[in-house]
């Protein structure tokens, strides 16, 4: 908890009142963090499968109440939720499935995000099985990057251009398919 507290304090020093999402896969961990953060004067919302209050109400309070700076969430909050008013995600513990990490980050890194970049903090506890898995996943990603080149360099511009094109309301479905096909070809050529 001390490292989390240090990181949050540092983030709020740079951007006071920034809204922060903290994910954990474990309900007891979420309750522990809420208790500790509340003791330190940080007002939090809690979202997991056993919370009886409607998810929409919790999310509305988190968005609209300037004193609610942290949303503590299980995987329930990582799907089908738009939180682009926030730009900081903390993975207090990492799920073993990388797609779940992508879903968590996707809550803030989406169309409508005003910040140029989002911040993602991943907590990995040294000497645990999580650290070993994280290390292996990281090495696999590095191996893939060495084989294909940097992902942002290969995918970045073509995906951005495709997204902008697909937002044109005057395109027909056939034209949209052509844009996607052209983008796929451009990515292949870059590789």
Protein backbone atom coordinates (compact mmCIF):
# COMPACT_ATOMS: atom_id res chain seq x y z
CA UNK A 1 0.00 0.00 0.00
CA UNK A 2 2.84 2.42 0.72
CA UNK A 3 4.03 2.33 -2.89
CA UNK A 4 0.48 2.93 -4.14
CA UNK A 5 0.05 5.84 -1.74
CA UNK A 6 3.38 7.32 -2.87
CA UNK A 7 2.39 7.00 -6.56
CA UNK A 8 -1.05 8.54 -6.02
CA UNK A 9 0.41 11.45 -4.05
CA UNK A 10 2.94 12.04 -6.81
CA UNK A 11 0.24 11.96 -9.51
CA UNK A 12 -2.01 14.37 -7.60
CA UNK A 13 0.92 16.69 -6.98
CA UNK A 14 1.23 17.07 -10.75
CA UNK A 15 -2.50 17.06 -11.49
CA UNK A 16 -4.68 17.73 -8.43
CA UNK A 17 -8.13 16.12 -8.54
CA UNK A 18 -7.17 13.68 -11.31
CA UNK A 19 -9.60 10.76 -11.36
CA UNK A 20 -7.82 7.41 -11.00
CA UNK A 21 -9.04 3.87 -11.69
CA UNK A 22 -7.52 1.14 -9.53
CA UNK A 23 -8.18 -2.45 -10.56
CA UNK A 24 -7.82 -5.61 -8.52
CA UNK A 25 -9.12 -9.09 -9.24
CA UNK A 26 -9.85 -9.66 -5.54
CA UNK A 27 -12.76 -8.17 -3.57
CA UNK A 28 -10.92 -8.34 -0.21
CA UNK A 29 -8.08 -6.33 -1.76
CA UNK A 30 -10.54 -3.71 -3.02
CA UNK A 31 -12.11 -3.41 0.44
CA UNK A 32 -8.66 -3.17 2.04
CA UNK A 33 -7.65 -0.40 -0.37
CA UNK A 34 -10.90 1.50 0.25
CA UNK A 35 -10.34 1.35 4.00
CA UNK A 36 -6.70 2.52 3.73
CA UNK A 37 -7.44 5.26 1.20
CA UNK A 38 -10.39 6.54 3.24
CA UNK A 39 -8.13 6.69 6.34
CA UNK A 40 -5.72 8.81 4.29
CA UNK A 41 -8.55 11.16 3.30
CA UNK A 42 -9.07 9.88 -0.25
CA UNK A 43 -12.75 9.54 -1.19
CA UNK A 44 -13.35 6.37 -3.24
CA UNK A 45 -16.08 4.54 -5.06
CA UNK A 46 -16.17 0.75 -4.97
CA UNK A 47 -17.36 -1.41 -7.87
CA UNK A 48 -17.45 -5.21 -7.91
CA UNK A 49 -19.97 -7.98 -8.48
CA UNK A 50 -21.26 -8.06 -4.89
CA UNK A 51 -22.01 -4.34 -4.64
CA UNK A 52 -25.81 -4.05 -4.58
CA UNK A 53 -26.02 -0.48 -5.87
CA UNK A 54 -26.49 -0.07 -9.64
CA UNK A 55 -23.21 0.27 -11.51
CA UNK A 56 -24.48 3.36 -13.36
CA UNK A 57 -25.06 5.21 -10.08
CA UNK A 58 -21.55 4.42 -8.80
CA UNK A 59 -20.00 5.54 -12.09
CA UNK A 60 -22.13 8.70 -12.19
CA UNK A 61 -20.91 9.70 -8.71
CA UNK A 62 -17.31 8.96 -9.63
CA UNK A 63 -17.57 11.14 -12.71
CA UNK A 64 -19.57 14.04 -11.29
CA UNK A 65 -18.39 14.36 -7.68
CA UNK A 66 -15.10 16.32 -7.65
CA UNK A 67 -14.20 14.75 -4.28
CA UNK A 68 -14.42 11.17 -5.60
CA UNK A 69 -10.88 10.74 -6.89
CA UNK A 70 -10.58 6.93 -7.02
CA UNK A 71 -12.69 4.16 -8.48
CA UNK A 72 -11.72 0.79 -7.02
CA UNK A 73 -12.93 -1.88 -9.39
CA UNK A 74 -12.86 -5.58 -10.13
CA UNK A 75 -13.26 -6.87 -13.68
CA UNK A 76 -16.92 -5.73 -13.50
CA UNK A 77 -15.68 -2.21 -14.23
CA UNK A 78 -13.38 -3.22 -17.06
CA UNK A 79 -16.06 -4.02 -19.62
CA UNK A 80 -18.67 -1.83 -21.27
CA UNK A 81 -17.75 1.29 -19.30
CA UNK A 82 -16.66 4.63 -20.79
CA UNK A 83 -14.39 6.54 -18.41
CA UNK A 84 -12.44 8.75 -20.79
CA UNK A 85 -12.76 11.65 -18.32
CA UNK A 86 -10.02 9.78 -16.46
CA UNK A 87 -6.57 9.02 -17.87
CA UNK A 88 -4.82 7.03 -15.14
CA UNK A 89 -5.19 3.27 -14.62
CA UNK A 90 -3.51 1.36 -11.80
CA UNK A 91 -3.36 -2.43 -11.99
CA UNK A 92 -2.86 -3.22 -8.31
CA UNK A 93 -2.62 -6.84 -9.30
CA UNK A 94 -2.24 -8.12 -12.84
CA UNK A 95 -4.60 -10.69 -14.32
CA UNK A 96 -2.76 -13.48 -16.10
CA UNK A 97 -4.78 -12.91 -19.25
CA UNK A 98 -3.30 -9.94 -21.13
CA UNK A 99 -6.67 -9.25 -22.76
CA UNK A 100 -8.07 -8.33 -19.34
CA UNK A 101 -5.31 -5.76 -18.97
CA UNK A 102 -6.26 -4.36 -22.38
CA UNK A 103 -9.91 -4.16 -21.28
CA UNK A 104 -8.93 -2.29 -18.12
CA UNK A 105 -6.85 0.24 -20.03
CA UNK A 106 -9.57 0.51 -22.65
CA UNK A 107 -11.89 2.17 -20.13
CA UNK A 108 -9.88 5.39 -20.39
CA UNK A 109 -7.97 4.98 -23.67
CA UNK A 110 -10.88 5.44 -26.01
CA UNK A 111 -12.47 7.89 -28.40
CA UNK A 112 -13.13 11.14 -26.55
CA UNK A 113 -10.00 10.96 -24.38
CA UNK A 114 -8.70 14.53 -24.06
CA UNK A 115 -5.18 13.70 -22.87
CA UNK A 116 -2.41 12.98 -25.37
CA UNK A 117 -1.44 9.90 -23.36
CA UNK A 118 -2.84 7.79 -20.58
CA UNK A 119 -0.82 6.58 -17.61
CA UNK A 120 -0.85 2.91 -16.68
CA UNK A 121 0.85 1.73 -13.48
CA UNK A 122 1.30 -2.02 -13.05
CA UNK A 123 2.16 -3.32 -9.60
CA UNK A 124 4.15 -6.55 -9.64
CA UNK A 125 5.39 -8.03 -6.39
CA UNK A 126 8.96 -9.30 -6.63
CA UNK A 127 9.50 -12.96 -5.90
CA UNK A 128 5.91 -14.02 -6.64
CA UNK A 129 4.44 -16.19 -9.36
CA UNK A 130 2.88 -13.00 -10.75
CA UNK A 131 6.37 -11.54 -11.23
CA UNK A 132 7.46 -14.66 -13.06
CA UNK A 133 4.42 -14.57 -15.36
CA UNK A 134 4.84 -10.84 -15.97
CA UNK A 135 8.49 -11.38 -16.86
CA UNK A 136 7.63 -14.16 -19.31
CA UNK A 137 4.85 -12.15 -20.95
CA UNK A 138 7.16 -9.15 -21.22
CA UNK A 139 9.86 -11.28 -22.86
CA UNK A 140 7.33 -12.70 -25.32
CA UNK A 141 6.21 -9.20 -26.26
CA UNK A 142 9.84 -8.13 -26.71
CA UNK A 143 10.49 -11.16 -28.93
CA UNK A 144 7.44 -10.32 -31.04
CA UNK A 145 8.52 -6.69 -31.24
CA UNK A 146 12.00 -7.71 -32.42
CA UNK A 147 10.46 -9.93 -35.09
CA UNK A 148 7.84 -7.45 -36.31
CA UNK A 149 9.25 -4.09 -35.29
CA UNK A 150 7.83 -1.66 -32.78
CA UNK A 151 4.04 -2.04 -32.61
CA UNK A 152 3.31 1.69 -32.57
CA UNK A 153 5.58 2.19 -35.58
CA UNK A 154 3.89 -0.59 -37.52
CA UNK A 155 0.30 0.00 -36.48
CA UNK A 156 0.10 3.56 -35.14
CA UNK A 157 -0.38 5.84 -38.15
CA UNK A 158 -2.40 3.43 -40.32
CA UNK A 159 -4.80 2.65 -37.45
CA UNK A 160 -5.22 6.35 -36.61
CA UNK A 161 -5.89 7.20 -40.26
CA UNK A 162 -8.36 4.32 -40.58
CA UNK A 163 -10.21 5.41 -37.44
CA UNK A 164 -10.52 8.98 -38.74
CA UNK A 165 -11.77 7.73 -42.11
CA UNK A 166 -14.32 5.36 -40.59
CA UNK A 167 -15.83 8.21 -38.55
CA UNK A 168 -16.99 9.86 -41.78
CA UNK A 169 -20.81 9.49 -41.67
CA UNK A 170 -21.07 9.73 -45.47
CA UNK A 171 -19.19 6.48 -46.15
CA UNK A 172 -21.19 3.50 -47.32
CA UNK A 173 -20.57 0.07 -45.80
CA UNK A 174 -18.71 -0.90 -48.99
CA UNK A 175 -16.45 2.16 -48.70
CA UNK A 176 -15.80 1.35 -45.04
CA UNK A 177 -14.76 -2.18 -46.00
CA UNK A 178 -12.39 -0.71 -48.60
CA UNK A 179 -10.82 1.56 -45.95
CA UNK A 180 -10.26 -1.45 -43.66
CA UNK A 181 -8.78 -3.50 -46.53
CA UNK A 182 -6.48 -0.65 -47.55
CA UNK A 183 -5.32 -0.23 -43.96
CA UNK A 184 -4.61 -3.95 -43.63
CA UNK A 185 -2.56 -3.77 -46.84
CA UNK A 186 -0.65 -0.71 -45.59
CA UNK A 187 0.21 -2.52 -42.34
CA UNK A 188 1.41 -5.57 -44.28
CA UNK A 189 3.57 -3.32 -46.44
CA UNK A 190 5.04 -1.63 -43.34
CA UNK A 191 5.89 -5.02 -41.80
